[in-house]
C-alpha cells in the first residue's frame, strides 16, 4: 500500500506513515471553498413611507398657512385702497381692490355727519332714507367732517 501523502510503500493496515508521520485513518476531507456569509447591514434613518408622509404634512401645512393669511392680506390691502372725495355737490367714496366701486352721496340726502373714535377715526354720514354710511380709518377726519358740514349748510 502506498501512503496517500508521500507515496512511499507502507504496511497494509498501518495507522501512521513512518516516512512523513501523517495518520492514515483520517477520513478524507472534502475541501470546499467557504463563501463568506453576507451580513445584514442595519441603516438607521428615515424610511420612504415616513419621508412621503413628512412631505405631505409640510405641503398641507404650507397650503393651510397661505389660505389662512389670504383674508388678512386682502383686508390690509383694501384698507389702503379707499378714497373719499368731497366735491361741491356730493361726496364720492371709491373702494375696492380688484373691482373698483364708487358710491355717490349728494349733499341734499345727507341728514347729519358724525365722527367716531372707537379704534380708528370713522366718519358717519346719515341720510334721510338709508342706513348710516360709515367710512372707516379716515385721515384728517375732523377736517373732512367740518368741510362736509359746511357744504351741507350752503
N, C-alpha and C. Protein backbone atom coordinates (compact mmCIF):
# COMPACT_ATOMS: atom_id res chain seq x y z
N UNK A 1 0.85 -1.16 0.00
CA UNK A 1 0.00 0.00 0.00
C UNK A 1 0.91 1.23 0.00
N UNK A 2 0.46 2.26 -0.65
CA UNK A 2 1.24 3.49 -0.74
C UNK A 2 0.58 4.56 0.16
N UNK A 3 1.43 5.39 0.75
CA UNK A 3 0.95 6.49 1.59
C UNK A 3 0.31 7.55 0.70
N UNK A 4 -0.89 7.99 1.03
CA UNK A 4 -1.54 9.00 0.19
C UNK A 4 -0.87 10.38 0.27
N UNK A 5 0.00 10.57 1.26
CA UNK A 5 0.61 11.90 1.43
C UNK A 5 2.00 11.99 0.79
N UNK A 6 2.81 10.92 1.01
CA UNK A 6 4.18 10.98 0.48
C UNK A 6 4.46 9.93 -0.59
N UNK A 7 3.55 9.02 -0.88
CA UNK A 7 3.64 7.98 -1.92
C UNK A 7 4.71 6.93 -1.64
N UNK A 8 5.14 6.74 -0.40
CA UNK A 8 6.09 5.68 -0.02
C UNK A 8 5.31 4.40 0.26
N UNK A 9 6.00 3.23 0.17
CA UNK A 9 5.37 1.95 0.46
C UNK A 9 5.31 1.75 1.97
N UNK A 10 4.12 1.46 2.47
CA UNK A 10 3.93 1.22 3.89
C UNK A 10 3.16 -0.06 4.06
N UNK A 11 3.07 -0.61 5.31
CA UNK A 11 2.37 -1.85 5.59
C UNK A 11 0.89 -1.66 5.40
N UNK A 12 0.29 -2.80 5.09
CA UNK A 12 -1.16 -2.81 4.93
C UNK A 12 -1.79 -2.66 6.30
N UNK A 13 -2.77 -1.74 6.50
CA UNK A 13 -3.46 -1.53 7.77
C UNK A 13 -2.71 -0.62 8.71
N UNK A 14 -1.64 0.03 8.23
CA UNK A 14 -0.90 0.96 9.09
C UNK A 14 -1.78 2.17 9.41
N UNK A 15 -1.57 2.66 10.63
CA UNK A 15 -2.36 3.81 11.03
C UNK A 15 -1.60 5.12 10.82
N UNK A 16 -0.24 5.00 10.78
CA UNK A 16 0.57 6.18 10.61
C UNK A 16 1.68 5.85 9.63
N UNK A 17 2.02 6.83 8.77
CA UNK A 17 3.11 6.65 7.79
C UNK A 17 4.43 6.86 8.53
N UNK A 18 5.36 5.93 8.36
CA UNK A 18 6.64 6.05 9.05
C UNK A 18 7.56 7.03 8.37
N UNK A 19 7.25 7.41 7.15
CA UNK A 19 8.11 8.34 6.40
C UNK A 19 7.71 9.81 6.63
N UNK A 20 6.42 10.10 6.51
CA UNK A 20 6.02 11.51 6.63
C UNK A 20 5.34 11.81 7.96
N UNK A 21 4.91 10.78 8.69
CA UNK A 21 4.33 10.98 10.00
C UNK A 21 2.84 11.32 10.00
N UNK A 22 2.18 11.23 8.86
CA UNK A 22 0.74 11.54 8.78
C UNK A 22 -0.06 10.33 9.19
N UNK A 23 -1.19 10.57 9.89
CA UNK A 23 -2.10 9.50 10.25
C UNK A 23 -2.91 9.13 9.03
N UNK A 24 -3.09 7.82 8.83
CA UNK A 24 -3.76 7.35 7.63
C UNK A 24 -5.24 7.05 7.83
N UNK A 25 -5.68 6.90 9.05
CA UNK A 25 -7.08 6.56 9.25
C UNK A 25 -7.99 7.81 9.27
N UNK A 26 -7.47 8.97 8.91
CA UNK A 26 -8.32 10.17 8.79
C UNK A 26 -9.25 9.98 7.63
N UNK A 27 -10.43 10.44 7.80
CA UNK A 27 -11.37 10.40 6.69
C UNK A 27 -10.96 11.49 5.73
N UNK A 28 -11.08 11.15 4.49
CA UNK A 28 -10.70 12.16 3.52
C UNK A 28 -11.68 13.33 3.59
N UNK A 29 -11.10 14.48 3.82
CA UNK A 29 -11.92 15.67 3.94
C UNK A 29 -12.10 16.27 2.56
N UNK A 30 -13.30 16.62 2.30
CA UNK A 30 -13.60 17.29 1.04
C UNK A 30 -13.41 18.78 1.30
N UNK A 31 -12.47 19.32 0.58
CA UNK A 31 -12.21 20.73 0.77
C UNK A 31 -13.19 21.54 -0.07
N UNK A 32 -13.93 22.35 0.62
CA UNK A 32 -14.89 23.22 -0.05
C UNK A 32 -14.46 24.66 0.18
N UNK A 33 -14.66 25.44 -0.81
CA UNK A 33 -14.36 26.86 -0.64
C UNK A 33 -15.46 27.47 0.21
N UNK A 34 -15.03 28.15 1.21
CA UNK A 34 -16.00 28.79 2.08
C UNK A 34 -16.37 30.14 1.48
N UNK A 35 -17.67 30.32 1.29
CA UNK A 35 -18.19 31.59 0.80
C UNK A 35 -18.51 32.44 2.01
N UNK A 36 -17.98 33.64 2.07
CA UNK A 36 -18.28 34.45 3.24
C UNK A 36 -19.77 34.76 3.30
N UNK A 37 -20.30 34.67 4.51
CA UNK A 37 -21.72 34.93 4.69
C UNK A 37 -21.98 36.43 4.59
N UNK A 38 -23.08 36.74 3.96
CA UNK A 38 -23.47 38.14 3.85
C UNK A 38 -24.17 38.54 5.13
N UNK A 39 -23.68 39.59 5.73
CA UNK A 39 -24.29 40.05 6.96
C UNK A 39 -25.29 41.15 6.62
N UNK A 40 -26.34 41.18 7.39
CA UNK A 40 -27.35 42.21 7.20
C UNK A 40 -26.83 43.50 7.81
N UNK A 41 -26.85 44.53 7.00
CA UNK A 41 -26.37 45.82 7.47
C UNK A 41 -27.59 46.65 7.86
N UNK A 42 -27.57 47.14 9.08
CA UNK A 42 -28.69 47.96 9.54
C UNK A 42 -28.36 49.43 9.29
N UNK A 43 -29.28 50.08 8.62
CA UNK A 43 -29.12 51.50 8.33
C UNK A 43 -30.18 52.24 9.13
N UNK A 44 -29.74 53.20 9.90
CA UNK A 44 -30.68 53.97 10.71
C UNK A 44 -30.99 55.27 9.99
N UNK A 45 -32.24 55.58 9.86
CA UNK A 45 -32.66 56.80 9.18
C UNK A 45 -34.13 56.68 8.83
N UNK A 46 -34.58 57.61 8.00
CA UNK A 46 -35.99 57.65 7.64
C UNK A 46 -36.28 56.67 6.52
N UNK A 47 -37.40 56.01 6.66
CA UNK A 47 -37.83 55.11 5.60
C UNK A 47 -38.63 55.90 4.57
N UNK A 48 -38.83 55.32 3.42
CA UNK A 48 -39.52 56.02 2.34
C UNK A 48 -40.95 56.41 2.72
N UNK A 49 -41.77 55.54 3.32
CA UNK A 49 -43.12 55.97 3.70
C UNK A 49 -43.11 57.14 4.68
N UNK A 50 -42.15 57.14 5.59
CA UNK A 50 -42.04 58.23 6.54
C UNK A 50 -41.74 59.54 5.81
N UNK A 51 -40.83 59.50 4.85
CA UNK A 51 -40.49 60.71 4.09
C UNK A 51 -41.68 61.22 3.29
N UNK A 52 -42.44 60.32 2.71
CA UNK A 52 -43.62 60.72 1.94
C UNK A 52 -44.64 61.39 2.85
N UNK A 53 -44.85 60.81 4.02
CA UNK A 53 -45.80 61.40 4.98
C UNK A 53 -45.32 62.78 5.42
N UNK A 54 -44.02 62.92 5.66
CA UNK A 54 -43.49 64.22 6.08
C UNK A 54 -43.65 65.26 4.96
N UNK A 55 -43.41 64.88 3.72
CA UNK A 55 -43.59 65.82 2.60
C UNK A 55 -45.05 66.25 2.50
N UNK A 56 -45.96 65.31 2.61
CA UNK A 56 -47.38 65.64 2.55
C UNK A 56 -47.75 66.57 3.70
N UNK A 57 -47.23 66.29 4.89
CA UNK A 57 -47.51 67.14 6.05
C UNK A 57 -47.05 68.58 5.80
N UNK A 58 -45.83 68.75 5.32
CA UNK A 58 -45.30 70.10 5.11
C UNK A 58 -46.03 70.83 3.99
N UNK A 59 -46.43 70.12 2.94
CA UNK A 59 -47.19 70.75 1.86
C UNK A 59 -48.55 71.21 2.37
N UNK A 60 -49.23 70.34 3.13
CA UNK A 60 -50.54 70.72 3.68
C UNK A 60 -50.42 71.88 4.67
N UNK A 61 -49.37 71.87 5.50
CA UNK A 61 -49.17 72.96 6.44
C UNK A 61 -48.93 74.28 5.71
N UNK A 62 -48.15 74.23 4.65
CA UNK A 62 -47.88 75.44 3.86
C UNK A 62 -49.16 75.95 3.21
N UNK A 63 -49.93 75.06 2.61
CA UNK A 63 -51.18 75.47 1.97
C UNK A 63 -52.16 76.04 3.00
N UNK A 64 -52.27 75.39 4.15
CA UNK A 64 -53.16 75.84 5.20
C UNK A 64 -52.77 77.23 5.68
N UNK A 65 -51.47 77.46 5.85
CA UNK A 65 -50.98 78.76 6.30
C UNK A 65 -51.28 79.84 5.27
N UNK A 66 -51.05 79.53 4.00
CA UNK A 66 -51.32 80.50 2.94
C UNK A 66 -52.81 80.82 2.89
N UNK A 67 -53.64 79.80 2.98
CA UNK A 67 -55.09 80.01 2.92
C UNK A 67 -55.57 80.83 4.11
N UNK A 68 -54.96 80.64 5.28
CA UNK A 68 -55.34 81.43 6.45
C UNK A 68 -54.96 82.90 6.29
N UNK A 69 -53.84 83.18 5.67
CA UNK A 69 -53.36 84.55 5.57
C UNK A 69 -53.98 85.34 4.43
N UNK A 70 -54.58 84.69 3.45
CA UNK A 70 -55.16 85.40 2.31
C UNK A 70 -56.23 86.40 2.74
N UNK A 71 -57.19 86.06 3.62
CA UNK A 71 -58.18 87.07 4.03
C UNK A 71 -57.55 88.27 4.73
N UNK A 72 -56.55 88.03 5.57
CA UNK A 72 -55.91 89.14 6.26
C UNK A 72 -55.17 90.05 5.29
N UNK A 73 -54.54 89.46 4.31
CA UNK A 73 -53.83 90.25 3.31
C UNK A 73 -54.82 91.08 2.50
N UNK A 74 -55.95 90.47 2.12
CA UNK A 74 -56.96 91.21 1.34
C UNK A 74 -57.54 92.36 2.16
N UNK A 75 -57.78 92.14 3.44
CA UNK A 75 -58.31 93.22 4.29
C UNK A 75 -57.29 94.35 4.41
N UNK A 76 -56.02 93.98 4.59
CA UNK A 76 -54.98 95.01 4.72
C UNK A 76 -54.86 95.81 3.43
N UNK A 77 -54.94 95.15 2.30
CA UNK A 77 -54.85 95.86 1.01
C UNK A 77 -56.08 96.74 0.82
N UNK A 78 -57.26 96.23 1.19
CA UNK A 78 -58.48 97.01 0.98
C UNK A 78 -58.51 98.27 1.84
N UNK A 79 -57.86 98.25 3.02
CA UNK A 79 -57.79 99.46 3.83
C UNK A 79 -57.02 100.57 3.13
N UNK A 80 -56.06 100.19 2.34
CA UNK A 80 -55.26 101.19 1.64
C UNK A 80 -55.82 101.53 0.26
N UNK A 81 -56.89 100.91 -0.13
CA UNK A 81 -57.49 101.16 -1.45
C UNK A 81 -58.83 101.89 -1.33
N UNK A 82 -58.96 102.75 -0.34
CA UNK A 82 -60.19 103.52 -0.16
C UNK A 82 -59.87 105.00 -0.36
N UNK A 83 -60.81 105.70 -0.96
CA UNK A 83 -60.61 107.12 -1.21
C UNK A 83 -61.93 107.84 -1.04
N UNK A 84 -61.92 108.89 -0.24
CA UNK A 84 -63.11 109.70 -0.01
C UNK A 84 -62.87 111.07 -0.66
N UNK A 85 -63.73 111.40 -1.61
CA UNK A 85 -63.60 112.69 -2.31
C UNK A 85 -64.78 113.58 -1.94
N UNK A 86 -64.47 114.81 -1.53
CA UNK A 86 -65.51 115.78 -1.18
C UNK A 86 -65.56 116.79 -2.32
N UNK A 87 -66.67 116.77 -3.07
CA UNK A 87 -66.86 117.69 -4.19
C UNK A 87 -67.83 118.81 -3.77
N UNK A 88 -68.13 119.72 -4.70
CA UNK A 88 -69.02 120.84 -4.39
C UNK A 88 -70.46 120.40 -4.17
N UNK A 89 -70.90 119.32 -4.83
CA UNK A 89 -72.30 118.93 -4.73
C UNK A 89 -72.52 117.53 -4.15
N UNK A 90 -71.45 116.78 -3.93
CA UNK A 90 -71.63 115.40 -3.45
C UNK A 90 -70.33 114.89 -2.80
N UNK A 91 -70.48 113.77 -2.10
CA UNK A 91 -69.34 113.04 -1.54
C UNK A 91 -69.23 111.74 -2.32
N UNK A 92 -68.02 111.43 -2.79
CA UNK A 92 -67.80 110.19 -3.55
C UNK A 92 -66.83 109.32 -2.75
N UNK A 93 -67.25 108.08 -2.54
CA UNK A 93 -66.41 107.11 -1.83
C UNK A 93 -66.02 106.03 -2.82
N UNK A 94 -64.72 105.93 -3.12
CA UNK A 94 -64.21 104.91 -4.06
C UNK A 94 -63.47 103.86 -3.25
N UNK A 95 -63.76 102.60 -3.57
CA UNK A 95 -63.12 101.50 -2.84
C UNK A 95 -63.04 100.27 -3.73
N UNK A 96 -62.26 99.30 -3.28
CA UNK A 96 -62.13 98.03 -3.98
C UNK A 96 -60.70 97.74 -4.32
N UNK A 97 -60.37 96.46 -4.30
CA UNK A 97 -59.01 96.04 -4.62
C UNK A 97 -58.93 95.65 -6.09
N UNK A 98 -59.73 94.70 -6.49
CA UNK A 98 -59.69 94.22 -7.87
C UNK A 98 -60.77 94.89 -8.72
N UNK A 99 -61.93 95.11 -8.13
CA UNK A 99 -63.03 95.78 -8.83
C UNK A 99 -63.27 97.10 -8.11
N UNK A 100 -63.07 98.17 -8.82
CA UNK A 100 -63.26 99.50 -8.21
C UNK A 100 -64.74 99.84 -8.20
N UNK A 101 -65.24 100.21 -7.05
CA UNK A 101 -66.63 100.62 -6.90
C UNK A 101 -66.64 102.04 -6.36
N UNK A 102 -67.68 102.76 -6.68
CA UNK A 102 -67.80 104.11 -6.12
C UNK A 102 -69.24 104.34 -5.68
N UNK A 103 -69.38 105.03 -4.57
CA UNK A 103 -70.70 105.40 -4.05
C UNK A 103 -70.76 106.92 -4.01
N UNK A 104 -71.82 107.45 -4.55
CA UNK A 104 -72.01 108.91 -4.54
C UNK A 104 -73.16 109.24 -3.61
N UNK A 105 -72.93 110.20 -2.73
CA UNK A 105 -73.98 110.66 -1.83
C UNK A 105 -74.09 112.17 -2.03
N UNK A 106 -75.21 112.64 -2.61
CA UNK A 106 -75.38 114.09 -2.76
C UNK A 106 -75.62 114.75 -1.40
N UNK A 107 -75.21 116.00 -1.29
CA UNK A 107 -75.38 116.71 -0.02
C UNK A 107 -76.84 116.85 0.38
N UNK A 108 -77.74 116.89 -0.62
CA UNK A 108 -79.18 117.03 -0.32
C UNK A 108 -79.69 115.86 0.50
N UNK A 109 -79.09 114.65 0.31
CA UNK A 109 -79.54 113.46 1.02
C UNK A 109 -78.96 113.34 2.43
N UNK A 110 -77.88 114.02 2.71
CA UNK A 110 -77.20 113.85 4.00
C UNK A 110 -77.97 114.59 5.09
N UNK A 111 -78.32 113.86 6.14
CA UNK A 111 -79.04 114.42 7.27
C UNK A 111 -78.07 114.93 8.34
N UNK A 112 -77.05 114.09 8.68
CA UNK A 112 -76.09 114.50 9.69
C UNK A 112 -74.72 113.87 9.42
N UNK A 113 -73.70 114.49 9.99
CA UNK A 113 -72.33 114.00 9.86
C UNK A 113 -71.76 113.87 11.26
N UNK A 114 -71.22 112.71 11.59
CA UNK A 114 -70.63 112.47 12.91
C UNK A 114 -69.27 111.80 12.74
N UNK A 115 -68.49 111.85 13.80
CA UNK A 115 -67.24 111.09 13.82
C UNK A 115 -67.26 110.15 15.01
N UNK A 116 -66.54 109.07 14.87
CA UNK A 116 -66.42 108.09 15.93
C UNK A 116 -64.94 107.75 16.08
N UNK A 117 -64.49 107.66 17.31
CA UNK A 117 -63.08 107.33 17.54
C UNK A 117 -62.99 106.08 18.41
N UNK A 118 -63.61 105.01 17.97
CA UNK A 118 -63.55 103.78 18.74
C UNK A 118 -62.15 103.18 18.64
N UNK A 119 -61.75 102.79 17.45
CA UNK A 119 -60.38 102.30 17.24
C UNK A 119 -59.66 103.21 16.24
N UNK A 120 -60.35 103.59 15.21
CA UNK A 120 -59.81 104.47 14.19
C UNK A 120 -60.75 105.66 14.08
N UNK A 121 -60.33 106.65 13.30
CA UNK A 121 -61.23 107.77 13.04
C UNK A 121 -62.23 107.35 11.97
N UNK A 122 -63.48 107.27 12.34
CA UNK A 122 -64.53 106.88 11.41
C UNK A 122 -65.45 108.08 11.16
N UNK A 123 -65.86 108.21 9.92
CA UNK A 123 -66.79 109.27 9.54
C UNK A 123 -68.14 108.62 9.26
N UNK A 124 -69.21 109.10 9.87
CA UNK A 124 -70.54 108.51 9.73
C UNK A 124 -71.44 109.54 9.05
N UNK A 125 -71.96 109.17 7.90
CA UNK A 125 -72.92 110.02 7.18
C UNK A 125 -74.30 109.38 7.30
N UNK A 126 -75.25 110.12 7.85
CA UNK A 126 -76.63 109.61 7.96
C UNK A 126 -77.48 110.33 6.93
N UNK A 127 -78.20 109.54 6.15
CA UNK A 127 -79.10 110.11 5.14
C UNK A 127 -80.53 109.97 5.62
N UNK A 128 -81.47 110.58 4.89
CA UNK A 128 -82.87 110.56 5.30
C UNK A 128 -83.48 109.17 5.23
N UNK A 129 -83.23 108.44 4.17
CA UNK A 129 -83.93 107.16 3.97
C UNK A 129 -83.05 105.93 4.19
N UNK A 130 -81.76 106.07 4.04
CA UNK A 130 -80.87 104.91 4.08
C UNK A 130 -80.26 104.72 5.46
N UNK A 131 -79.64 103.59 5.62
CA UNK A 131 -78.90 103.34 6.85
C UNK A 131 -77.62 104.19 6.84
N UNK A 132 -76.99 104.39 7.98
CA UNK A 132 -75.80 105.24 8.02
C UNK A 132 -74.66 104.64 7.18
N UNK A 133 -73.93 105.51 6.51
CA UNK A 133 -72.76 105.10 5.74
C UNK A 133 -71.55 105.43 6.58
N UNK A 134 -70.73 104.42 6.88
CA UNK A 134 -69.58 104.60 7.75
C UNK A 134 -68.31 104.47 6.92
N UNK A 135 -67.48 105.48 6.99
CA UNK A 135 -66.18 105.47 6.32
C UNK A 135 -65.13 105.26 7.39
N UNK A 136 -64.50 104.13 7.37
CA UNK A 136 -63.56 103.76 8.43
C UNK A 136 -62.15 104.22 8.10
N UNK A 137 -61.41 104.51 9.16
CA UNK A 137 -59.99 104.84 9.09
C UNK A 137 -59.71 106.01 8.15
N UNK A 138 -60.40 107.11 8.40
CA UNK A 138 -60.25 108.31 7.58
C UNK A 138 -59.15 109.18 8.19
N UNK A 139 -58.20 109.60 7.37
CA UNK A 139 -57.18 110.52 7.86
C UNK A 139 -57.77 111.94 7.84
N UNK A 140 -57.40 112.74 8.80
CA UNK A 140 -57.91 114.11 8.97
C UNK A 140 -59.44 114.11 9.02
N UNK A 141 -59.97 113.25 9.83
CA UNK A 141 -61.42 113.04 9.91
C UNK A 141 -62.17 114.31 10.33
N UNK A 142 -61.64 115.02 11.30
CA UNK A 142 -62.35 116.22 11.77
C UNK A 142 -62.39 117.30 10.69
N UNK A 143 -61.33 117.42 9.88
CA UNK A 143 -61.33 118.40 8.78
C UNK A 143 -62.37 118.03 7.73
N UNK A 144 -62.44 116.75 7.42
CA UNK A 144 -63.42 116.28 6.43
C UNK A 144 -64.83 116.51 6.95
N UNK A 145 -65.05 116.22 8.22
CA UNK A 145 -66.37 116.44 8.83
C UNK A 145 -66.77 117.91 8.74
N UNK A 146 -65.85 118.81 9.08
CA UNK A 146 -66.16 120.25 9.03
C UNK A 146 -66.44 120.70 7.60
N UNK A 147 -65.69 120.16 6.63
CA UNK A 147 -65.90 120.52 5.22
C UNK A 147 -67.26 120.06 4.73
N UNK A 148 -67.66 118.85 5.08
CA UNK A 148 -68.96 118.34 4.65
C UNK A 148 -70.09 119.12 5.31
N UNK A 149 -69.96 119.43 6.59
CA UNK A 149 -71.00 120.21 7.28
C UNK A 149 -71.13 121.59 6.66
N UNK A 150 -70.03 122.17 6.27
CA UNK A 150 -70.07 123.49 5.61
C UNK A 150 -70.79 123.40 4.28
N UNK A 151 -70.52 122.34 3.52
CA UNK A 151 -71.15 122.17 2.20
C UNK A 151 -72.64 121.86 2.35
N UNK A 152 -73.03 121.15 3.40
CA UNK A 152 -74.45 120.83 3.62
C UNK A 152 -75.23 122.11 3.91
N UNK A 153 -74.66 123.00 4.72
CA UNK A 153 -75.37 124.20 5.15
C UNK A 153 -75.44 125.28 4.09
N UNK A 154 -74.87 125.13 2.95
CA UNK A 154 -74.95 126.14 1.88
C UNK A 154 -76.33 126.23 1.30
